């Protein structure tokens, strides 16, 4: 093998390992102990949801403030960055009703 080919294969292996570690970390995110009320949750509480990072959590809060709140969890589709597929991860862990406003925080 030439040096170029060895370097290319080495780089591919490094990128594959680094990418799989990132996916593993994202999948190991613990789910909230209680449903998170998207109408009252803080950015930090929203970040505990699977598939929700800091930027998306901030957009959820911003949308909630501008629209006056969510009437259903399906309304999360109106938030930029949330589509049908990406809604599947957090949807089982969210509510718009009262009584389950906070997520149990393990942090």
C-alpha atoms as a PDB file:
ATOM      1  CA  UNK A   1       0.000   0.000   0.000  1.00  0.00           C
ATOM      2  CA  UNK A   2       1.146   3.494  -0.658  1.00  0.00           C
ATOM      3  CA  UNK A   3       1.436   6.099   2.069  1.00  0.00           C
ATOM      4  CA  UNK A   4      -1.573   7.961   0.653  1.00  0.00           C
ATOM      5  CA  UNK A   5      -3.751   4.850   0.794  1.00  0.00           C
ATOM      6  CA  UNK A   6      -2.605   4.005   4.352  1.00  0.00           C
ATOM      7  CA  UNK A   7      -3.303   7.556   5.503  1.00  0.00           C
ATOM      8  CA  UNK A   8      -6.756   7.482   3.896  1.00  0.00           C
ATOM      9  CA  UNK A   9      -7.658   4.181   5.543  1.00  0.00           C
ATOM     10  CA  UNK A  10      -6.336   5.416   8.903  1.00  0.00           C
ATOM     11  CA  UNK A  11      -8.361   8.606   8.673  1.00  0.00           C
ATOM     12  CA  UNK A  12     -11.484   6.641   7.762  1.00  0.00           C
ATOM     13  CA  UNK A  13     -11.029   4.404  10.808  1.00  0.00           C
ATOM     14  CA  UNK A  14     -10.507   7.391  13.132  1.00  0.00           C
ATOM     15  CA  UNK A  15     -13.608   9.142  11.787  1.00  0.00           C
ATOM     16  CA  UNK A  16     -15.708   5.984  12.089  1.00  0.00           C
ATOM     17  CA  UNK A  17     -14.679   5.453  15.711  1.00  0.00           C
ATOM     18  CA  UNK A  18     -15.200   9.128  16.600  1.00  0.00           C
ATOM     19  CA  UNK A  19     -18.611   9.134  14.939  1.00  0.00           C
ATOM     20  CA  UNK A  20     -19.745   5.989  16.703  1.00  0.00           C
ATOM     21  CA  UNK A  21     -18.688   7.408  20.075  1.00  0.00           C
ATOM     22  CA  UNK A  22     -20.798  10.499  19.443  1.00  0.00           C
ATOM     23  CA  UNK A  23     -23.811   8.363  18.576  1.00  0.00           C
ATOM     24  CA  UNK A  24     -23.279   6.211  21.645  1.00  0.00           C
ATOM     25  CA  UNK A  25     -23.192   9.282  23.893  1.00  0.00           C
ATOM     26  CA  UNK A  26     -26.385  10.641  22.366  1.00  0.00           C
ATOM     27  CA  UNK A  27     -28.171   7.307  22.780  1.00  0.00           C
ATOM     28  CA  UNK A  28     -27.085   7.005  26.434  1.00  0.00           C
ATOM     29  CA  UNK A  29     -28.992  10.156  27.363  1.00  0.00           C
ATOM     30  CA  UNK A  30     -31.264   9.281  30.253  1.00  0.00           C
ATOM     31  CA  UNK A  31     -34.935   9.969  29.806  1.00  0.00           C
ATOM     32  CA  UNK A  32     -36.780  12.097  32.349  1.00  0.00           C
ATOM     33  CA  UNK A  33     -38.390  10.220  35.241  1.00  0.00           C
ATOM     34  CA  UNK A  34     -41.658  12.122  34.682  1.00  0.00           C
ATOM     35  CA  UNK A  35     -43.187  13.646  31.597  1.00  0.00           C
ATOM     36  CA  UNK A  36     -41.952  17.128  30.795  1.00  0.00           C
ATOM     37  CA  UNK A  37     -44.618  19.796  30.310  1.00  0.00           C
ATOM     38  CA  UNK A  38     -43.514  21.734  27.226  1.00  0.00           C
ATOM     39  CA  UNK A  39     -45.700  24.649  28.337  1.00  0.00           C
ATOM     40  CA  UNK A  40     -43.822  25.196  31.604  1.00  0.00           C
ATOM     41  CA  UNK A  41     -40.422  23.488  31.290  1.00  0.00           C
ATOM     42  CA  UNK A  42     -37.175  25.418  31.350  1.00  0.00           C
ATOM     43  CA  UNK A  43     -34.558  25.102  28.615  1.00  0.00           C
ATOM     44  CA  UNK A  44     -32.556  22.832  30.930  1.00  0.00           C
ATOM     45  CA  UNK A  45     -35.536  20.534  31.527  1.00  0.00           C
ATOM     46  CA  UNK A  46     -36.237  20.344  27.792  1.00  0.00           C
ATOM     47  CA  UNK A  47     -32.603  19.403  27.158  1.00  0.00           C
ATOM     48  CA  UNK A  48     -33.180  16.237  29.210  1.00  0.00           C
ATOM     49  CA  UNK A  49     -35.480  14.964  26.477  1.00  0.00           C
ATOM     50  CA  UNK A  50     -34.066  12.522  23.923  1.00  0.00           C
ATOM     51  CA  UNK A  51     -33.182  14.314  20.699  1.00  0.00           C
ATOM     52  CA  UNK A  52     -33.344  17.797  22.242  1.00  0.00           C
ATOM     53  CA  UNK A  53     -30.180  19.865  22.593  1.00  0.00           C
ATOM     54  CA  UNK A  54     -29.641  23.417  23.825  1.00  0.00           C
ATOM     55  CA  UNK A  55     -30.547  25.154  20.548  1.00  0.00           C
ATOM     56  CA  UNK A  56     -33.741  23.158  19.997  1.00  0.00           C
ATOM     57  CA  UNK A  57     -34.789  23.587  23.633  1.00  0.00           C
ATOM     58  CA  UNK A  58     -34.376  27.357  23.248  1.00  0.00           C
ATOM     59  CA  UNK A  59     -36.486  27.328  20.063  1.00  0.00           C
ATOM     60  CA  UNK A  60     -39.233  25.377  21.852  1.00  0.00           C
ATOM     61  CA  UNK A  61     -39.340  27.995  24.633  1.00  0.00           C
ATOM     62  CA  UNK A  62     -39.264  30.823  22.086  1.00  0.00           C
ATOM     63  CA  UNK A  63     -42.132  29.291  20.096  1.00  0.00           C
ATOM     64  CA  UNK A  64     -44.120  28.750  23.312  1.00  0.00           C
ATOM     65  CA  UNK A  65     -43.688  32.390  24.318  1.00  0.00           C
ATOM     66  CA  UNK A  66     -44.702  33.712  20.895  1.00  0.00           C
ATOM     67  CA  UNK A  67     -47.670  31.381  20.370  1.00  0.00           C
ATOM     68  CA  UNK A  68     -49.073  31.386  23.879  1.00  0.00           C
ATOM     69  CA  UNK A  69     -48.302  27.728  24.533  1.00  0.00           C
ATOM     70  CA  UNK A  70     -48.826  24.309  23.037  1.00  0.00           C
ATOM     71  CA  UNK A  71     -52.300  22.797  22.802  1.00  0.00           C
ATOM     72  CA  UNK A  72     -50.961  19.357  21.824  1.00  0.00           C
ATOM     73  CA  UNK A  73     -47.603  17.649  21.528  1.00  0.00           C
ATOM     74  CA  UNK A  74     -48.127  17.502  17.752  1.00  0.00           C
ATOM     75  CA  UNK A  75     -47.843  21.293  17.737  1.00  0.00           C
ATOM     76  CA  UNK A  76     -44.115  20.799  18.386  1.00  0.00           C
ATOM     77  CA  UNK A  77     -43.932  20.211  14.622  1.00  0.00           C
ATOM     78  CA  UNK A  78     -44.304  23.990  14.248  1.00  0.00           C
ATOM     79  CA  UNK A  79     -40.928  24.511  15.943  1.00  0.00           C
ATOM     80  CA  UNK A  80     -38.067  24.955  13.486  1.00  0.00           C
ATOM     81  CA  UNK A  81     -35.916  21.830  13.505  1.00  0.00           C
ATOM     82  CA  UNK A  82     -38.641  19.394  14.547  1.00  0.00           C
ATOM     83  CA  UNK A  83     -40.094  17.119  11.906  1.00  0.00           C
ATOM     84  CA  UNK A  84     -42.222  13.980  12.005  1.00  0.00           C
ATOM     85  CA  UNK A  85     -39.203  11.734  12.506  1.00  0.00           C
ATOM     86  CA  UNK A  86     -37.396  13.874  15.077  1.00  0.00           C
ATOM     87  CA  UNK A  87     -40.612  14.273  17.095  1.00  0.00           C
ATOM     88  CA  UNK A  88     -40.723  10.515  17.702  1.00  0.00           C
ATOM     89  CA  UNK A  89     -37.831  10.612  20.219  1.00  0.00           C
ATOM     90  CA  UNK A  90     -39.143  13.169  22.727  1.00  0.00           C
ATOM     91  CA  UNK A  91     -42.909  12.801  22.177  1.00  0.00           C
ATOM     92  CA  UNK A  92     -43.469   9.882  24.611  1.00  0.00           C
ATOM     93  CA  UNK A  93     -41.791  11.959  27.319  1.00  0.00           C
ATOM     94  CA  UNK A  94     -43.690  15.229  26.911  1.00  0.00           C
ATOM     95  CA  UNK A  95     -47.077  16.564  27.865  1.00  0.00           C
ATOM     96  CA  UNK A  96     -48.969  19.832  27.506  1.00  0.00           C
ATOM     97  CA  UNK A  97     -51.190  19.200  30.521  1.00  0.00           C
ATOM     98  CA  UNK A  98     -50.835  20.128  34.157  1.00  0.00           C
ATOM     99  CA  UNK A  99     -49.481  18.012  36.975  1.00  0.00           C
ATOM    100  CA  UNK A 100     -46.305  16.784  35.237  1.00  0.00           C
ATOM    101  CA  UNK A 101     -44.511  20.053  34.644  1.00  0.00           C
ATOM    102  CA  UNK A 102     -41.056  19.070  35.844  1.00  0.00           C
ATOM    103  CA  UNK A 103     -38.619  16.392  34.854  1.00  0.00           C
ATOM    104  CA  UNK A 104     -36.667  14.683  37.574  1.00  0.00           C
ATOM    105  CA  UNK A 105     -33.184  16.015  37.098  1.00  0.00           C
ATOM    106  CA  UNK A 106     -30.252  13.691  37.658  1.00  0.00           C
ATOM    107  CA  UNK A 107     -27.716  16.472  37.159  1.00  0.00           C
END
